[in-house]
N, C-alpha and C. Protein backbone atom coordinates (compact mmCIF):
# COMPACT_ATOMS: atom_id res chain seq x y z
N MET A 1 -2.14 -19.20 -22.92
CA MET A 1 -1.73 -20.56 -21.09
C MET A 1 -0.63 -21.38 -22.30
N ALA A 2 0.23 -22.18 -21.14
CA ALA A 2 1.13 -22.81 -21.65
C ALA A 2 0.53 -24.59 -20.76
N GLU A 3 0.54 -25.40 -22.19
CA GLU A 3 -0.02 -26.57 -21.52
C GLU A 3 0.38 -26.84 -20.04
N GLY A 4 -0.68 -26.84 -19.32
CA GLY A 4 0.26 -27.42 -17.72
C GLY A 4 0.13 -26.75 -17.24
N GLN A 5 -0.40 -25.36 -17.44
CA GLN A 5 -0.01 -24.13 -16.39
C GLN A 5 -2.09 -23.79 -15.90
N THR A 6 -2.41 -22.96 -15.61
CA THR A 6 -4.05 -22.58 -14.87
C THR A 6 -3.09 -21.76 -14.76
N SER A 7 -3.86 -20.30 -14.55
CA SER A 7 -4.54 -19.31 -14.31
C SER A 7 -5.35 -18.29 -12.93
N TYR A 8 -4.78 -18.47 -12.11
CA TYR A 8 -5.47 -18.53 -10.99
C TYR A 8 -6.39 -17.08 -10.65
N PRO A 9 -7.86 -16.54 -10.06
CA PRO A 9 -8.10 -15.71 -9.95
C PRO A 9 -7.53 -14.55 -9.93
N LEU A 10 -6.87 -14.82 -9.03
CA LEU A 10 -5.84 -13.71 -8.41
C LEU A 10 -4.69 -12.90 -9.48
N THR A 11 -4.27 -13.41 -9.94
CA THR A 11 -2.94 -13.86 -11.43
C THR A 11 -4.08 -13.53 -12.13
N ALA A 12 -4.83 -13.66 -12.74
CA ALA A 12 -5.91 -13.97 -14.09
C ALA A 12 -5.64 -11.99 -15.17
N GLY A 13 -5.39 -12.05 -15.86
CA GLY A 13 -5.34 -10.68 -16.86
C GLY A 13 -3.86 -10.02 -16.21
N ILE A 14 -2.35 -10.65 -15.48
CA ILE A 14 -2.20 -9.93 -15.43
C ILE A 14 -0.54 -10.93 -16.06
N GLY A 15 -0.23 -12.36 -16.43
CA GLY A 15 -0.18 -12.91 -16.64
C GLY A 15 1.02 -13.54 -15.65
N VAL A 16 0.83 -14.12 -15.28
CA VAL A 16 1.53 -14.69 -14.67
C VAL A 16 0.47 -15.97 -13.86
N GLU A 17 1.18 -17.72 -14.09
CA GLU A 17 0.24 -18.83 -14.05
C GLU A 17 1.89 -19.51 -13.48
N VAL A 18 0.39 -20.82 -12.99
CA VAL A 18 1.25 -22.18 -12.24
C VAL A 18 1.20 -22.91 -12.66
N ASP A 19 2.40 -23.12 -12.49
CA ASP A 19 1.31 -25.21 -12.39
C ASP A 19 0.77 -25.50 -12.42
N GLU A 20 0.41 -26.65 -13.19
CA GLU A 20 -0.90 -27.82 -11.89
C GLU A 20 -0.38 -29.05 -11.37
N GLY A 21 -1.51 -28.70 -10.52
CA GLY A 21 -0.98 -29.59 -10.55
C GLY A 21 -0.43 -28.92 -8.69
N ARG A 22 0.38 -28.09 -8.77
CA ARG A 22 1.32 -27.26 -7.68
C ARG A 22 -0.13 -26.92 -6.97
N LYS A 23 0.20 -27.63 -5.50
CA LYS A 23 -0.34 -27.56 -4.63
C LYS A 23 -0.24 -25.85 -4.07
N ARG A 24 -0.80 -24.99 -3.55
CA ARG A 24 -0.50 -23.78 -2.71
C ARG A 24 -0.37 -24.08 -1.82
N SER A 25 0.77 -23.37 -0.66
CA SER A 25 1.03 -23.92 1.18
C SER A 25 0.43 -22.36 1.50
N GLY A 26 0.30 -22.48 2.35
CA GLY A 26 -1.02 -21.48 2.70
C GLY A 26 -2.16 -21.41 3.63
N HIS A 27 -2.27 -20.09 4.00
CA HIS A 27 -4.11 -20.47 4.51
C HIS A 27 -4.72 -19.76 3.09
N PRO A 28 -6.00 -21.12 3.08
CA PRO A 28 -7.23 -20.92 1.94
C PRO A 28 -7.63 -19.24 2.20
N ARG A 29 -7.56 -18.59 3.66
CA ARG A 29 -8.36 -17.34 3.11
C ARG A 29 -7.34 -16.60 3.16
N PHE A 30 -6.03 -16.52 3.26
CA PHE A 30 -5.07 -15.77 2.79
C PHE A 30 -5.09 -15.40 1.25
N PHE A 31 -5.20 -16.59 0.45
CA PHE A 31 -5.63 -16.22 -0.94
C PHE A 31 -7.12 -15.60 -1.33
N GLU A 32 -7.34 -16.52 -0.22
CA GLU A 32 -9.07 -15.13 -1.20
C GLU A 32 -9.23 -13.78 -0.53
N LEU A 33 -7.98 -13.52 0.27
CA LEU A 33 -8.31 -12.52 0.68
C LEU A 33 -7.07 -11.56 -0.52
N LEU A 34 -6.20 -12.11 -1.00
CA LEU A 34 -5.35 -11.63 -2.29
C LEU A 34 -6.36 -11.24 -3.24
N ASP A 35 -7.56 -12.12 -3.36
CA ASP A 35 -8.35 -11.77 -4.74
C ASP A 35 -9.07 -11.12 -4.24
N GLU A 36 -9.26 -10.81 -2.92
CA GLU A 36 -10.81 -9.32 -2.65
C GLU A 36 -10.05 -8.31 -2.68
N ALA A 37 -8.23 -8.59 -2.57
CA ALA A 37 -7.92 -6.91 -2.62
C ALA A 37 -7.53 -6.45 -3.48
N ALA A 38 -7.30 -7.30 -5.30
CA ALA A 38 -7.39 -6.95 -6.30
C ALA A 38 -7.92 -6.53 -6.44
N ASP A 39 -9.28 -7.73 -6.72
CA ASP A 39 -10.94 -7.20 -7.12
C ASP A 39 -11.25 -5.11 -6.30
N LEU A 40 -11.02 -5.19 -4.89
CA LEU A 40 -10.98 -3.70 -4.49
C LEU A 40 -10.48 -2.92 -5.25
N HIS A 41 -8.81 -3.51 -5.35
CA HIS A 41 -8.03 -1.96 -5.57
C HIS A 41 -8.29 -1.48 -7.20
N GLU A 42 -9.13 -2.74 -8.47
CA GLU A 42 -10.04 -2.25 -9.61
C GLU A 42 -10.20 -1.57 -8.90
N ARG A 43 -11.61 -1.35 -8.52
CA ARG A 43 -13.16 -0.97 -8.42
C ARG A 43 -12.67 0.64 -7.63
N LYS A 44 -12.38 0.26 -6.49
CA LYS A 44 -11.23 1.76 -5.95
C LYS A 44 -10.43 2.81 -7.02
N ASN A 45 -9.36 1.72 -8.01
CA ASN A 45 -8.55 2.39 -8.75
C ASN A 45 -9.79 3.71 -9.69
N ALA A 46 -10.98 3.21 -10.12
CA ALA A 46 -11.10 4.34 -10.86
C ALA A 46 -11.85 5.27 -10.23
N GLY A 47 -12.45 5.04 -8.90
CA GLY A 47 -13.00 6.94 -7.96
C GLY A 47 -11.85 7.43 -8.09
N TYR A 48 -10.44 6.91 -7.76
CA TYR A 48 -9.29 7.61 -7.24
C TYR A 48 -8.66 8.33 -8.18
N ALA A 49 -8.30 7.69 -8.95
CA ALA A 49 -7.12 7.78 -10.33
C ALA A 49 -7.83 8.76 -11.88
N GLY A 50 -9.21 7.96 -12.09
CA GLY A 50 -10.70 7.95 -13.02
C GLY A 50 -10.38 6.97 -13.87
N GLN A 51 -10.96 6.61 -14.36
CA GLN A 51 -12.13 6.30 -15.19
C GLN A 51 -11.17 5.71 -16.16
N GLY A 52 -10.33 4.55 -16.18
CA GLY A 52 -9.28 5.04 -17.92
C GLY A 52 -8.42 5.41 -18.08
N ASN A 53 -7.76 6.06 -16.61
CA ASN A 53 -6.32 7.11 -16.58
C ASN A 53 -5.09 6.05 -16.52
N ALA A 54 -4.74 6.26 -17.56
CA ALA A 54 -3.16 5.78 -18.53
C ALA A 54 -2.63 5.67 -17.20
N ASP A 55 -2.64 6.30 -15.85
CA ASP A 55 -1.57 6.27 -14.80
C ASP A 55 -2.55 5.72 -13.67
N PRO A 56 -2.65 4.89 -13.27
CA PRO A 56 -3.66 4.86 -11.95
C PRO A 56 -3.40 4.32 -10.37
N LEU A 57 -2.31 4.99 -10.86
CA LEU A 57 -1.70 5.63 -9.13
C LEU A 57 -1.24 7.11 -9.12
N ALA A 58 -2.44 7.27 -10.62
CA ALA A 58 -1.90 9.35 -10.37
C ALA A 58 -2.17 9.57 -9.32
N ASN A 59 -3.48 9.51 -7.99
CA ASN A 59 -3.71 10.14 -6.99
C ASN A 59 -2.46 9.86 -5.93
N PHE A 60 -1.56 9.01 -5.82
CA PHE A 60 -0.79 9.11 -5.22
C PHE A 60 0.83 9.80 -5.23
N ARG A 61 0.22 10.45 -6.72
CA ARG A 61 1.44 11.38 -6.75
C ARG A 61 1.26 12.91 -6.47
N GLU A 62 0.13 12.61 -6.00
CA GLU A 62 -0.09 14.68 -6.07
C GLU A 62 1.35 14.60 -4.92
N SER A 63 1.22 14.13 -4.22
CA SER A 63 2.55 14.37 -3.02
C SER A 63 3.09 15.66 -3.72
N GLU A 64 4.04 14.23 -4.79
CA GLU A 64 5.11 15.40 -5.33
C GLU A 64 4.77 16.90 -5.42
N ARG A 65 3.70 17.15 -5.76
CA ARG A 65 3.89 18.40 -6.76
C ARG A 65 4.04 19.37 -5.16
N LEU A 66 4.31 18.66 -3.77
CA LEU A 66 5.27 19.38 -2.79
C LEU A 66 6.71 18.80 -2.04
N GLY A 67 6.86 18.05 -3.44
CA GLY A 67 8.12 17.27 -2.88
C GLY A 67 8.16 15.90 -2.20
N ILE A 68 7.70 16.18 -1.85
CA ILE A 68 7.59 14.32 -1.21
C ILE A 68 7.46 13.29 -2.00
N PRO A 69 8.35 12.66 -2.51
CA PRO A 69 7.92 11.30 -3.75
C PRO A 69 6.04 10.21 -3.09
N ALA A 70 6.23 9.62 -4.12
CA ALA A 70 4.16 9.15 -3.86
C ALA A 70 4.54 7.95 -2.75
N PHE A 71 5.22 6.96 -2.87
CA PHE A 71 5.36 6.31 -1.78
C PHE A 71 5.67 6.73 -0.13
N MET A 72 6.06 7.72 0.08
CA MET A 72 6.09 8.67 1.26
C MET A 72 4.82 8.69 1.89
N GLY A 73 4.17 9.44 0.35
CA GLY A 73 2.83 9.77 0.57
C GLY A 73 1.51 9.11 0.51
N ALA A 74 1.96 8.16 0.23
CA ALA A 74 1.41 6.63 0.16
C ALA A 74 1.67 5.92 2.21
N MET A 75 2.77 6.31 2.28
CA MET A 75 2.86 5.92 3.41
C MET A 75 2.60 6.63 4.75
N VAL A 76 1.62 7.89 4.57
CA VAL A 76 1.20 8.58 5.34
C VAL A 76 0.20 8.45 5.07
N ARG A 77 -0.58 7.65 4.86
CA ARG A 77 -1.81 7.46 4.24
C ARG A 77 -1.55 5.98 4.92
N ARG A 78 -0.95 4.67 4.82
CA ARG A 78 -0.70 3.71 5.22
C ARG A 78 -1.02 4.31 7.02
N GLY A 79 0.26 4.48 7.22
CA GLY A 79 0.32 5.64 8.63
C GLY A 79 -1.50 6.16 9.33
N ASP A 80 -1.99 6.50 8.72
CA ASP A 80 -3.80 7.20 8.77
C ASP A 80 -4.36 5.78 9.19
N LYS A 81 -4.19 4.46 8.55
CA LYS A 81 -5.33 3.22 8.35
C LYS A 81 -4.51 2.31 9.83
N TYR A 82 -3.44 2.51 10.09
CA TYR A 82 -2.66 2.07 10.89
C TYR A 82 -3.88 2.84 12.43
N SER A 83 -3.06 4.02 12.70
CA SER A 83 -3.74 4.91 13.71
C SER A 83 -5.43 4.14 13.90
N ARG A 84 -6.28 4.27 12.72
CA ARG A 84 -7.89 4.07 12.87
C ARG A 84 -7.94 2.43 13.29
N SER A 85 -7.15 1.43 12.64
CA SER A 85 -7.51 0.16 12.81
C SER A 85 -7.34 -0.40 14.74
N CYS A 86 -5.72 0.64 15.20
CA CYS A 86 -5.38 0.70 16.50
C CYS A 86 -6.55 1.21 17.52
N ASN A 87 -7.24 2.59 16.37
CA ASN A 87 -8.35 2.74 17.62
C ASN A 87 -9.52 1.99 17.84
N LEU A 88 -9.91 1.21 16.46
CA LEU A 88 -11.08 0.50 16.97
C LEU A 88 -11.57 -0.61 18.00
N ALA A 89 -9.28 -1.06 17.73
CA ALA A 89 -9.41 -1.93 17.87
C ALA A 89 -9.61 -2.00 18.65
N LYS A 90 -9.33 -0.86 20.44
CA LYS A 90 -9.71 -0.29 21.71
C LYS A 90 -10.87 -0.27 21.74
N ASP A 91 -11.39 0.08 20.96
CA ASP A 91 -13.33 0.82 20.96
C ASP A 91 -13.50 0.46 19.80
N PRO A 92 -14.88 -0.61 19.85
CA PRO A 92 -15.25 -0.69 18.30
C PRO A 92 -15.91 0.66 18.56
N SER A 93 -16.34 1.29 19.49
CA SER A 93 -17.54 2.45 19.26
C SER A 93 -17.52 3.90 18.60
N ASN A 94 -15.64 3.30 18.17
CA ASN A 94 -15.10 4.80 17.70
C ASN A 94 -15.61 4.69 16.57
N GLU A 95 -15.83 3.68 15.32
CA GLU A 95 -16.55 3.29 14.37
C GLU A 95 -17.77 4.61 13.55
N GLN A 96 -17.70 5.60 13.64
CA GLN A 96 -18.27 6.33 12.53
C GLN A 96 -18.82 6.45 11.79
N VAL A 97 -18.00 5.89 10.68
CA VAL A 97 -17.66 6.15 9.46
C VAL A 97 -18.30 5.07 8.02
N GLY A 98 -19.06 4.39 9.16
CA GLY A 98 -19.61 2.92 8.43
C GLY A 98 -18.20 1.90 7.49
N GLU A 99 -17.13 2.22 8.33
CA GLU A 99 -15.64 1.20 8.11
C GLU A 99 -15.57 1.22 9.15
N ASP A 100 -15.38 -0.29 9.35
CA ASP A 100 -15.58 -1.07 10.54
C ASP A 100 -13.88 -2.07 9.76
N ILE A 101 -13.18 -2.17 11.21
CA ILE A 101 -12.19 -2.32 11.37
C ILE A 101 -11.40 -3.17 10.01
N THR A 102 -12.27 -4.11 9.89
CA THR A 102 -12.44 -4.95 9.06
C THR A 102 -11.37 -4.57 8.24
N GLU A 103 -12.13 -3.56 6.94
CA GLU A 103 -12.41 -3.19 5.98
C GLU A 103 -11.01 -2.02 6.51
N THR A 104 -10.48 -1.51 7.45
CA THR A 104 -9.29 -0.35 7.56
C THR A 104 -8.56 -1.57 7.46
N LEU A 105 -8.25 -2.51 8.22
CA LEU A 105 -7.11 -3.54 7.32
C LEU A 105 -6.77 -3.78 6.73
N ARG A 106 -8.52 -4.14 5.59
CA ARG A 106 -8.13 -4.22 4.04
C ARG A 106 -7.26 -2.99 3.47
N ASP A 107 -7.92 -2.29 3.86
CA ASP A 107 -7.35 -0.32 2.73
C ASP A 107 -5.53 -0.69 3.63
N ALA A 108 -5.17 -0.55 4.39
CA ALA A 108 -4.03 -0.77 4.37
C ALA A 108 -2.89 -1.63 3.81
N ALA A 109 -4.00 -3.07 4.36
CA ALA A 109 -2.95 -4.34 3.70
C ALA A 109 -3.14 -3.40 2.08
N ALA A 110 -3.76 -2.73 1.19
CA ALA A 110 -3.63 -2.22 0.44
C ALA A 110 -2.34 -1.50 -0.34
N TYR A 111 -2.35 -0.80 0.99
CA TYR A 111 -1.69 0.30 0.95
C TYR A 111 -0.12 -0.61 0.79
N GLU A 112 0.27 -1.17 1.11
CA GLU A 112 1.37 -2.01 1.47
C GLU A 112 1.87 -2.13 0.32
N TYR A 113 1.40 -2.61 -0.75
CA TYR A 113 1.89 -3.43 -1.49
C TYR A 113 1.60 -1.78 -3.05
N LEU A 114 0.56 -1.07 -2.53
CA LEU A 114 0.94 -0.18 -3.42
C LEU A 114 2.52 0.91 -3.76
N ILE A 115 2.10 0.94 -2.04
CA ILE A 115 3.61 1.47 -1.54
C ILE A 115 5.18 0.82 -2.48
N ILE A 116 5.13 -0.51 -2.41
CA ILE A 116 5.98 -1.09 -3.25
C ILE A 116 6.12 -1.17 -4.85
N CYS A 117 5.16 -1.28 -5.37
CA CYS A 117 4.91 -0.49 -7.10
C CYS A 117 5.68 1.29 -6.92
N LEU A 118 4.89 1.48 -6.24
CA LEU A 118 5.20 2.72 -5.95
C LEU A 118 7.27 3.52 -6.03
N PHE A 119 7.16 2.70 -4.56
CA PHE A 119 9.13 2.81 -5.24
C PHE A 119 9.90 1.95 -5.56
N GLU A 120 9.23 0.83 -6.00
CA GLU A 120 10.04 -0.01 -7.15
C GLU A 120 9.84 0.99 -8.63
N GLU A 121 9.10 2.05 -9.31
CA GLU A 121 9.30 2.87 -9.91
C GLU A 121 10.76 3.15 -10.29
N ASP A 122 10.84 3.82 -9.43
CA ASP A 122 11.92 4.92 -8.90
C ASP A 122 12.63 4.23 -7.56
N THR A 123 13.18 2.64 -7.96
CA THR A 123 14.60 2.71 -5.85
C THR A 123 15.04 3.65 -6.32
N GLU A 124 15.78 4.07 -7.16
CA GLU A 124 17.56 4.65 -7.12
C GLU A 124 16.90 5.27 -6.56
N ARG A 125 16.11 6.70 -6.94
CA ARG A 125 15.77 8.03 -6.84
C ARG A 125 15.50 7.77 -4.95
N ASN A 126 14.39 6.98 -4.81
CA ASN A 126 13.76 6.68 -3.30
C ASN A 126 14.45 6.09 -2.45
N VAL A 127 15.34 5.68 -2.72
CA VAL A 127 16.65 5.41 -1.89
C VAL A 127 17.16 6.56 -0.99
N ARG A 128 17.89 6.93 -2.16
CA ARG A 128 18.79 8.40 -2.33
C ARG A 128 17.70 9.26 -1.46
N PHE A 129 16.26 8.85 -1.83
CA PHE A 129 15.33 10.32 -0.58
C PHE A 129 16.38 9.61 1.01
N LEU A 130 15.57 8.71 0.96
CA LEU A 130 15.49 8.35 2.53
C LEU A 130 16.41 8.33 3.29
N GLU A 131 18.04 8.61 2.38
CA GLU A 131 19.38 8.68 2.72
C GLU A 131 18.94 10.42 3.31
N LEU A 132 18.76 10.75 2.39
CA LEU A 132 19.26 12.70 1.91
C LEU A 132 17.91 12.26 3.40
N LEU A 133 17.48 12.01 3.63
CA LEU A 133 16.31 11.71 5.13
C LEU A 133 16.76 11.90 5.85
N LYS A 134 17.07 10.19 5.97
CA LYS A 134 18.29 10.81 7.32
C LYS A 134 19.10 11.44 7.74
N TRP A 135 20.24 11.50 7.01
CA TRP A 135 21.17 12.77 6.84
C TRP A 135 20.25 13.74 7.83
N LEU A 136 19.13 14.43 6.96
CA LEU A 136 18.51 15.79 7.48
C LEU A 136 18.31 15.19 9.18
N ASN A 137 17.36 14.57 9.72
CA ASN A 137 17.84 14.01 10.36
C ASN A 137 18.53 14.15 11.90
N ASP A 138 19.25 13.44 11.12
CA ASP A 138 20.45 12.55 12.66
C ASP A 138 20.75 14.17 12.34
N GLN A 139 21.12 15.48 11.32
CA GLN A 139 21.39 16.73 11.00
C GLN A 139 20.67 17.76 13.22
N LEU A 140 19.33 17.64 12.46
CA LEU A 140 18.43 18.11 13.20
C LEU A 140 18.59 17.32 14.65
N GLU A 141 19.78 16.59 15.09
CA GLU A 141 19.22 15.68 16.52
C GLU A 141 19.96 16.42 17.43
N ARG A 142 20.62 16.79 16.13
CA ARG A 142 22.21 17.20 16.44
C ARG A 142 22.43 18.06 17.57
N GLU A 143 21.45 19.26 16.22
CA GLU A 143 21.44 20.72 16.99
C GLU A 143 20.33 20.41 17.47
N TYR A 144 19.54 20.20 17.37
CA TYR A 144 17.92 19.61 18.74
C TYR A 144 17.40 18.73 19.01
N PRO A 145 18.89 18.76 20.52
CA PRO A 145 19.08 17.02 21.23
C PRO A 145 17.60 17.07 21.87
N LYS A 146 16.57 16.21 21.70
CA LYS A 146 15.84 15.12 21.66
C LYS A 146 15.80 15.77 23.46
N ASP A 147 16.76 15.82 24.14
CA ASP A 147 16.23 16.22 25.88
C ASP A 147 16.33 17.57 25.76
N ARG A 148 16.26 18.67 25.02
CA ARG A 148 16.18 19.73 25.07
C ARG A 148 15.07 20.04 24.48
N VAL A 149 13.86 19.30 23.77
CA VAL A 149 13.09 19.66 23.29
C VAL A 149 12.08 19.14 23.73
N ARG A 150 11.26 19.31 25.05
CA ARG A 150 10.52 18.75 25.56
C ARG A 150 8.81 20.23 25.12
């Protein structure tokens, strides 16, 4: 670590340093949640990708076996968390599996960062995929206008 720099818990081990004396701007709980998210990611990763797996996002790549880019597969999973959080917000008694709304929101936030990681692995290819998906959607809407489908 360079003189005059401090490694913060969130960035420890990943080579990001912040100048000493730099005052973080923002809500302190936000930074605590980021630290907690990093810890949660590390713990869950062992269970999903496998302890010591060289590819920490291997479980997200399973969607590629179906022709769906990993980032899109992760977006579907994130969508599930969104639906769950909405249902729990409407009625907390919907919680039946030991995962309260806070845990669901933590998972949803983690998915956002994982989606970015997956998207950035091959941005050009993923942008082309999105363009193709838009083109296909446009074709389907021309062929099957929404007012005809009810």
